[in-house]
Amino acid sequence: MAEAHILEGTRENFPALVLENSRRGLVLVDFWSPAAGPSLRQREILMALAREYAGRFLLVTVNTDREPALSRDYGVRSIPSFKLFRHGRIVEEVRGMQPQADYRAILERHLQSVGDTVRVAAGRAWQGGERDRALQLLAEGAMAEPDNLALPALLAKFLMQLDRHAEAQHVLQSLPQAAREEPEIATLLAHLDFILTAQQAPARELLQQRLAAVPTDLDAHYQLAAVCLVADDYPACLETLMGILRQDRRWSGDRARRGLLAVFDTLGAAHELVRGYRSELFRLIY
């Protein structure tokens, strides 16, 4: 049974294989016996679903003939039987053979609800002052649903509220490149870049003196833009970013353009500054 999402459970590996993995995603434990026809049919259905879902849940099969003690530990008195685990505990138990469509429906109910459940639970924990608990829930949820970008986005926002900006940046930069290009993630990354740059930048007056001496210092221009943004001086920030683009449209991996778009997003499309600078940006690029 050498398949990535179908594994054989024993009493020895059950804590790591089932309980620990269930903290990262849904684990279905199928209790079966080679001597019981219905359990063999259920096992075939569940294995086919595990292959089809390709990692959205982990299937762990437990041969009750080989693992009677483990079966007793989890109250298995008849087969076929399966149990669904999330966050280290059983969230649903099913006994007896089910109509084939019901197996998929049971899985979908738990798989579809993971992200929403995590967001609600994390929000409640956050509002209740359990900040570490909220962060933990979102981190675990993000691992369970790697394609659900709402979870790392919310995790980053919570970290930003705690002034843990470097950690928030690390969370988002750890996402695949395609995910980092999504509008919400890209905007958050740009704002985090501004914040971290401003924290390390010299005072505004010193930056202005440096630029008066060396107008082509684009690093100093970007630092100045970040300092202006943190001070809510949007006109100066936008003009400085546009000045970088006028000199080098692709400077530092398109950093200035990304920053400009993030500021546009903050101000809104109807803002007078956005309308003016968006037109110039379009002319520069196209």
Foldseek 3Di string as FASTA:
>chain_A
DPDPQEEEDAPVCCCVVPQVVLLQAKEKEWEAEPVDPLSVVVVVLVVVVSVVVVQLYHYYYYHCVVHVVVCVVVPNDDDGKMFMGHNRDTPDIDHDHDDSVVVVVVVCVRSVCLVVVLVVVLVVCVVVVVLVVSLSSLVSSCSSPVPPVVSLLVSLVSCVVVVVLVVNLVSLVPRDPVSCPPVSNLLSNLLSVLVVLLVPDDDLVVLVVVCVVPVLPLSSLSSNLSVCVVVVVVVSNLVSLVSSCVVPCCPPNNSSVSNNVSVCVVVDCPDPVNVVSVVVVVVSVD
